[in-house]
Amino acid sequence: MLLDNFLPNEQVKSVLMIKPEELKSRGIKAIITDLDNTLVEWDRPSATPELTSWFENMKKHQIKVTIVSNNQQSRVKLFAEPLGIPFIYKARKPFAKAFHKAVQMMNVRKEETVVIGDQLLTDILGGNRSGYYTILVVPVAQSDGFMTKFNRKVERRIMSYFKKKGLLSWED
């Protein structure tokens, strides 16, 4: 069914709940993650101490991370560069090109990669259509940028359908 493309393989409250040991046990070597409202609030310029530790823990366990964002270069670079994390900006998710580019940059296979994000219409749809394992996180902030506000209205309808079917479990 068409809506299946919007259903994540997994859902967690926060990216911080994703443990490198669990990923490695499933053969995962790399993470493609969204930035805004997935890692930090869309208007927070840099990583929190907890998030910095999470990145360091992934690195310690040899799990590569690349940020793939639809945002502008200046926004993504400001966040990613101090952490030494590779990034792709203006990714045009849900289109597949940026996901494929990230996998090439990390020199891993699609089957060894998870896609993490807070939006069904960009991160999850793009990851699923491109054949990745997808993890949906609850948005870090309650507020969104302009385009995301539109997406959230559509998402709420899809999520309520999934909740009725017992496929998604958390509340907004």
C-alpha atoms as a PDB file:
ATOM      1  CA  MET A   1       0.000   0.000   0.000  1.00  0.00           C
ATOM      2  CA  LEU A   2       1.127   3.570  -0.732  1.00  0.00           C
ATOM      3  CA  LEU A   3       1.131   4.619   2.915  1.00  0.00           C
ATOM      4  CA  ASP A   4       3.610   1.856   3.774  1.00  0.00           C
ATOM      5  CA  ASN A   5       6.335   4.117   2.368  1.00  0.00           C
ATOM      6  CA  PHE A   6       5.691   6.452   5.324  1.00  0.00           C
ATOM      7  CA  LEU A   7       5.910   3.750   8.012  1.00  0.00           C
ATOM      8  CA  PRO A   8       9.271   3.670   9.818  1.00  0.00           C
ATOM      9  CA  ASN A   9      10.910   0.341  10.660  1.00  0.00           C
ATOM     10  CA  GLU A  10      11.381   1.582  14.208  1.00  0.00           C
ATOM     11  CA  GLN A  11      10.422   4.541  16.391  1.00  0.00           C
ATOM     12  CA  VAL A  12      12.180   6.052  19.401  1.00  0.00           C
ATOM     13  CA  LYS A  13      11.599   9.118  21.551  1.00  0.00           C
ATOM     14  CA  SER A  14      15.110  10.503  20.977  1.00  0.00           C
ATOM     15  CA  VAL A  15      18.195   9.863  18.885  1.00  0.00           C
ATOM     16  CA  LEU A  16      20.011   9.464  22.238  1.00  0.00           C
ATOM     17  CA  MET A  17      18.089   6.200  22.766  1.00  0.00           C
ATOM     18  CA  ILE A  18      19.778   4.644  19.723  1.00  0.00           C
ATOM     19  CA  LYS A  19      22.720   2.598  21.016  1.00  0.00           C
ATOM     20  CA  PRO A  20      25.766   1.657  18.928  1.00  0.00           C
ATOM     21  CA  GLU A  21      25.845  -1.850  20.431  1.00  0.00           C
ATOM     22  CA  GLU A  22      22.301  -2.538  19.168  1.00  0.00           C
ATOM     23  CA  LEU A  23      23.129  -1.175  15.714  1.00  0.00           C
ATOM     24  CA  LYS A  24      26.324  -3.251  15.467  1.00  0.00           C
ATOM     25  CA  SER A  25      24.486  -6.414  16.540  1.00  0.00           C
ATOM     26  CA  ARG A  26      22.257  -5.899  13.474  1.00  0.00           C
ATOM     27  CA  GLY A  27      25.213  -5.369  11.127  1.00  0.00           C
ATOM     28  CA  ILE A  28      24.792  -1.573  10.970  1.00  0.00           C
ATOM     29  CA  LYS A  29      27.988   0.384  10.280  1.00  0.00           C
ATOM     30  CA  ALA A  30      26.595   3.804   9.375  1.00  0.00           C
ATOM     31  CA  ILE A  31      23.930   6.360  10.170  1.00  0.00           C
ATOM     32  CA  ILE A  32      22.370   8.928   7.857  1.00  0.00           C
ATOM     33  CA  THR A  33      20.661  11.443  10.119  1.00  0.00           C
ATOM     34  CA  ASP A  34      18.570  14.526   9.636  1.00  0.00           C
ATOM     35  CA  LEU A  35      19.598  17.646  11.571  1.00  0.00           C
ATOM     36  CA  ASP A  36      16.733  19.985  12.446  1.00  0.00           C
ATOM     37  CA  ASN A  37      14.341  18.646  15.096  1.00  0.00           C
ATOM     38  CA  THR A  38      16.033  15.237  14.868  1.00  0.00           C
ATOM     39  CA  LEU A  39      19.366  16.021  16.537  1.00  0.00           C
ATOM     40  CA  VAL A  40      18.614  19.487  17.947  1.00  0.00           C
ATOM     41  CA  GLU A  41      15.908  22.135  17.717  1.00  0.00           C
ATOM     42  CA  TRP A  42      15.777  23.700  14.254  1.00  0.00           C
ATOM     43  CA  ASP A  43      16.988  27.026  15.662  1.00  0.00           C
ATOM     44  CA  ARG A  44      19.792  25.665  17.936  1.00  0.00           C
ATOM     45  CA  PRO A  45      23.161  26.326  16.273  1.00  0.00           C
ATOM     46  CA  SER A  46      25.238  23.610  17.949  1.00  0.00           C
ATOM     47  CA  ALA A  47      25.097  20.183  19.582  1.00  0.00           C
ATOM     48  CA  THR A  48      24.118  19.700  23.216  1.00  0.00           C
ATOM     49  CA  PRO A  49      26.692  18.009  25.496  1.00  0.00           C
ATOM     50  CA  GLU A  50      24.519  14.833  25.475  1.00  0.00           C
ATOM     51  CA  LEU A  51      24.431  14.786  21.697  1.00  0.00           C
ATOM     52  CA  THR A  52      28.186  15.375  21.461  1.00  0.00           C
ATOM     53  CA  SER A  53      28.677  12.332  23.736  1.00  0.00           C
ATOM     54  CA  TRP A  54      26.311  10.308  21.534  1.00  0.00           C
ATOM     55  CA  PHE A  55      28.370  11.162  18.434  1.00  0.00           C
ATOM     56  CA  GLU A  56      31.597  10.264  20.280  1.00  0.00           C
ATOM     57  CA  ASN A  57      30.094   6.948  21.382  1.00  0.00           C
ATOM     58  CA  MET A  58      29.118   6.099  17.793  1.00  0.00           C
ATOM     59  CA  LYS A  59      32.644   6.949  16.634  1.00  0.00           C
ATOM     60  CA  LYS A  60      34.162   4.830  19.417  1.00  0.00           C
ATOM     61  CA  HIS A  61      32.117   1.866  18.138  1.00  0.00           C
ATOM     62  CA  GLN A  62      33.213   2.523  14.518  1.00  0.00           C
ATOM     63  CA  ILE A  63      29.752   3.643  13.409  1.00  0.00           C
ATOM     64  CA  LYS A  64      30.011   6.376  10.802  1.00  0.00           C
ATOM     65  CA  VAL A  65      27.559   9.274  10.834  1.00  0.00           C
ATOM     66  CA  THR A  66      26.643  11.680   8.040  1.00  0.00           C
ATOM     67  CA  ILE A  67      24.122  14.495   8.421  1.00  0.00           C
ATOM     68  CA  VAL A  68      21.769  14.803   5.455  1.00  0.00           C
ATOM     69  CA  SER A  69      19.669  17.962   5.664  1.00  0.00           C
ATOM     70  CA  ASN A  70      17.355  19.880   3.370  1.00  0.00           C
ATOM     71  CA  ASN A  71      18.604  23.079   5.006  1.00  0.00           C
ATOM     72  CA  GLN A  72      21.146  25.607   3.659  1.00  0.00           C
ATOM     73  CA  GLN A  73      24.910  25.036   3.732  1.00  0.00           C
ATOM     74  CA  SER A  74      25.510  27.742   6.357  1.00  0.00           C
ATOM     75  CA  ARG A  75      23.115  26.111   8.858  1.00  0.00           C
ATOM     76  CA  VAL A  76      24.381  22.556   8.427  1.00  0.00           C
ATOM     77  CA  LYS A  77      28.063  23.522   8.277  1.00  0.00           C
ATOM     78  CA  LEU A  78      27.822  25.592  11.484  1.00  0.00           C
ATOM     79  CA  PHE A  79      26.466  22.532  13.308  1.00  0.00           C
ATOM     80  CA  ALA A  80      28.508  19.716  11.716  1.00  0.00           C
ATOM     81  CA  GLU A  81      32.001  21.177  11.279  1.00  0.00           C
ATOM     82  CA  PRO A  82      32.863  21.659  14.983  1.00  0.00           C
ATOM     83  CA  LEU A  83      31.953  17.982  15.513  1.00  0.00           C
ATOM     84  CA  GLY A  84      33.953  16.799  12.506  1.00  0.00           C
ATOM     85  CA  ILE A  85      30.862  15.182  11.004  1.00  0.00           C
ATOM     86  CA  PRO A  86      30.451  15.009   7.234  1.00  0.00           C
ATOM     87  CA  PHE A  87      27.251  16.519   5.871  1.00  0.00           C
ATOM     88  CA  ILE A  88      25.104  17.030   2.813  1.00  0.00           C
ATOM     89  CA  TYR A  89      22.984  20.193   2.626  1.00  0.00           C
ATOM     90  CA  LYS A  90      20.069  21.078   0.309  1.00  0.00           C
ATOM     91  CA  ALA A  91      19.537  17.308   0.148  1.00  0.00           C
ATOM     92  CA  ARG A  92      16.088  17.519  -1.463  1.00  0.00           C
ATOM     93  CA  LYS A  93      14.758  14.648   0.642  1.00  0.00           C
ATOM     94  CA  PRO A  94      12.720  12.516   0.009  1.00  0.00           C
ATOM     95  CA  PHE A  95      14.628  12.137  -3.297  1.00  0.00           C
ATOM     96  CA  ALA A  96      17.198   9.325  -3.193  1.00  0.00           C
ATOM     97  CA  LYS A  97      20.293  11.128  -4.508  1.00  0.00           C
ATOM     98  CA  ALA A  98      21.558  12.493  -1.164  1.00  0.00           C
ATOM     99  CA  PHE A  99      21.031   9.151   0.613  1.00  0.00           C
ATOM    100  CA  HIS A 100      23.093   7.376  -2.055  1.00  0.00           C
ATOM    101  CA  LYS A 101      25.762  10.079  -1.907  1.00  0.00           C
ATOM    102  CA  ALA A 102      26.023   9.711   1.897  1.00  0.00           C
ATOM    103  CA  VAL A 103      26.511   5.946   1.623  1.00  0.00           C
ATOM    104  CA  GLN A 104      29.253   6.471  -0.983  1.00  0.00           C
ATOM    105  CA  MET A 105      30.946   9.094   1.230  1.00  0.00           C
ATOM    106  CA  MET A 106      30.962   6.657   4.179  1.00  0.00           C
ATOM    107  CA  ASN A 107      32.050   3.742   1.970  1.00  0.00           C
ATOM    108  CA  VAL A 108      29.363   1.397   3.310  1.00  0.00           C
ATOM    109  CA  ARG A 109      26.520  -0.586   1.781  1.00  0.00           C
ATOM    110  CA  LYS A 110      22.865   0.416   1.953  1.00  0.00           C
ATOM    111  CA  GLU A 111      22.134  -2.724   4.033  1.00  0.00           C
ATOM    112  CA  GLU A 112      24.668  -1.507   6.641  1.00  0.00           C
ATOM    113  CA  THR A 113      23.019   1.906   7.004  1.00  0.00           C
ATOM    114  CA  VAL A 114      20.074   3.321   8.962  1.00  0.00           C
ATOM    115  CA  VAL A 115      18.248   6.560   8.206  1.00  0.00           C
ATOM    116  CA  ILE A 116      17.142   8.577  11.247  1.00  0.00           C
ATOM    117  CA  GLY A 117      14.754  11.515  11.110  1.00  0.00           C
ATOM    118  CA  ASP A 118      11.753  13.280  12.620  1.00  0.00           C
ATOM    119  CA  GLN A 119       9.640  13.668   9.464  1.00  0.00           C
ATOM    120  CA  LEU A 120       7.593  11.050   7.655  1.00  0.00           C
ATOM    121  CA  LEU A 121       7.428  13.106   4.430  1.00  0.00           C
ATOM    122  CA  THR A 122      11.171  13.607   3.996  1.00  0.00           C
ATOM    123  CA  ASP A 123      13.374  11.307   6.107  1.00  0.00           C
ATOM    124  CA  ILE A 124      11.194   8.202   6.409  1.00  0.00           C
ATOM    125  CA  LEU A 125       9.651   8.351   2.926  1.00  0.00           C
ATOM    126  CA  GLY A 126      13.066   8.985   1.355  1.00  0.00           C
ATOM    127  CA  GLY A 127      14.797   6.271   3.373  1.00  0.00           C
ATOM    128  CA  ASN A 128      12.080   3.686   2.755  1.00  0.00           C
ATOM    129  CA  ARG A 129      11.784   4.379  -0.971  1.00  0.00           C
ATOM    130  CA  SER A 130      15.561   4.078  -1.278  1.00  0.00           C
ATOM    131  CA  GLY A 131      15.601   0.757   0.591  1.00  0.00           C
ATOM    132  CA  TYR A 132      17.100   1.781   3.952  1.00  0.00           C
ATOM    133  CA  TYR A 133      16.131   0.744   7.480  1.00  0.00           C
ATOM    134  CA  THR A 134      14.375   3.807   8.919  1.00  0.00           C
ATOM    135  CA  ILE A 135      14.064   5.116  12.481  1.00  0.00           C
ATOM    136  CA  LEU A 136      11.579   7.858  13.313  1.00  0.00           C
ATOM    137  CA  VAL A 137      12.320  10.090  16.307  1.00  0.00           C
ATOM    138  CA  VAL A 138       9.943  12.436  18.100  1.00  0.00           C
ATOM    139  CA  PRO A 139      10.751  16.036  17.031  1.00  0.00           C
ATOM    140  CA  VAL A 140      13.061  17.759  19.525  1.00  0.00           C
ATOM    141  CA  ALA A 141      11.100  21.030  19.352  1.00  0.00           C
ATOM    142  CA  GLN A 142       7.404  21.777  19.183  1.00  0.00           C
ATOM    143  CA  SER A 143       7.994  24.586  16.696  1.00  0.00           C
ATOM    144  CA  ASP A 144       9.102  24.224  13.079  1.00  0.00           C
ATOM    145  CA  GLY A 145      10.373  26.237  10.137  1.00  0.00           C
ATOM    146  CA  PHE A 146       7.903  27.322   7.447  1.00  0.00           C
ATOM    147  CA  MET A 147       8.006  24.322   5.063  1.00  0.00           C
ATOM    148  CA  THR A 148       8.020  21.839   7.908  1.00  0.00           C
ATOM    149  CA  LYS A 149       4.789  23.340   9.313  1.00  0.00           C
ATOM    150  CA  PHE A 150       3.021  22.337   6.098  1.00  0.00           C
ATOM    151  CA  ASN A 151       4.564  18.851   6.167  1.00  0.00           C
ATOM    152  CA  ARG A 152       3.480  18.337   9.784  1.00  0.00           C
ATOM    153  CA  LYS A 153      -0.196  18.899   8.878  1.00  0.00           C
ATOM    154  CA  VAL A 154      -0.005  16.100   6.300  1.00  0.00           C
ATOM    155  CA  GLU A 155       2.050  13.932   8.671  1.00  0.00           C
ATOM    156  CA  ARG A 156      -0.510  14.208  11.468  1.00  0.00           C
ATOM    157  CA  ARG A 157      -3.134  12.646   9.206  1.00  0.00           C
ATOM    158  CA  ILE A 158      -0.831   9.787   8.197  1.00  0.00           C
ATOM    159  CA  MET A 159       0.257   9.227  11.811  1.00  0.00           C
ATOM    160  CA  SER A 160      -3.322   9.126  13.070  1.00  0.00           C
ATOM    161  CA  TYR A 161      -4.050   6.438  10.452  1.00  0.00           C
ATOM    162  CA  PHE A 162      -0.996   4.431  11.637  1.00  0.00           C
ATOM    163  CA  LYS A 163      -2.000   4.886  15.289  1.00  0.00           C
ATOM    164  CA  LYS A 164      -5.531   3.593  14.564  1.00  0.00           C
ATOM    165  CA  LYS A 165      -3.980   0.551  12.880  1.00  0.00           C
ATOM    166  CA  GLY A 166      -1.660   0.054  15.893  1.00  0.00           C
ATOM    167  CA  LEU A 167       1.460   0.652  13.786  1.00  0.00           C
ATOM    168  CA  LEU A 168       2.774   3.755  15.615  1.00  0.00           C
ATOM    169  CA  SER A 169       2.624   4.036  19.367  1.00  0.00           C
ATOM    170  CA  TRP A 170       3.558   7.461  20.715  1.00  0.00           C
ATOM    171  CA  GLU A 171       1.519  10.631  21.027  1.00  0.00           C
ATOM    172  CA  ASP A 172       2.459  14.029  19.559  1.00  0.00           C
END
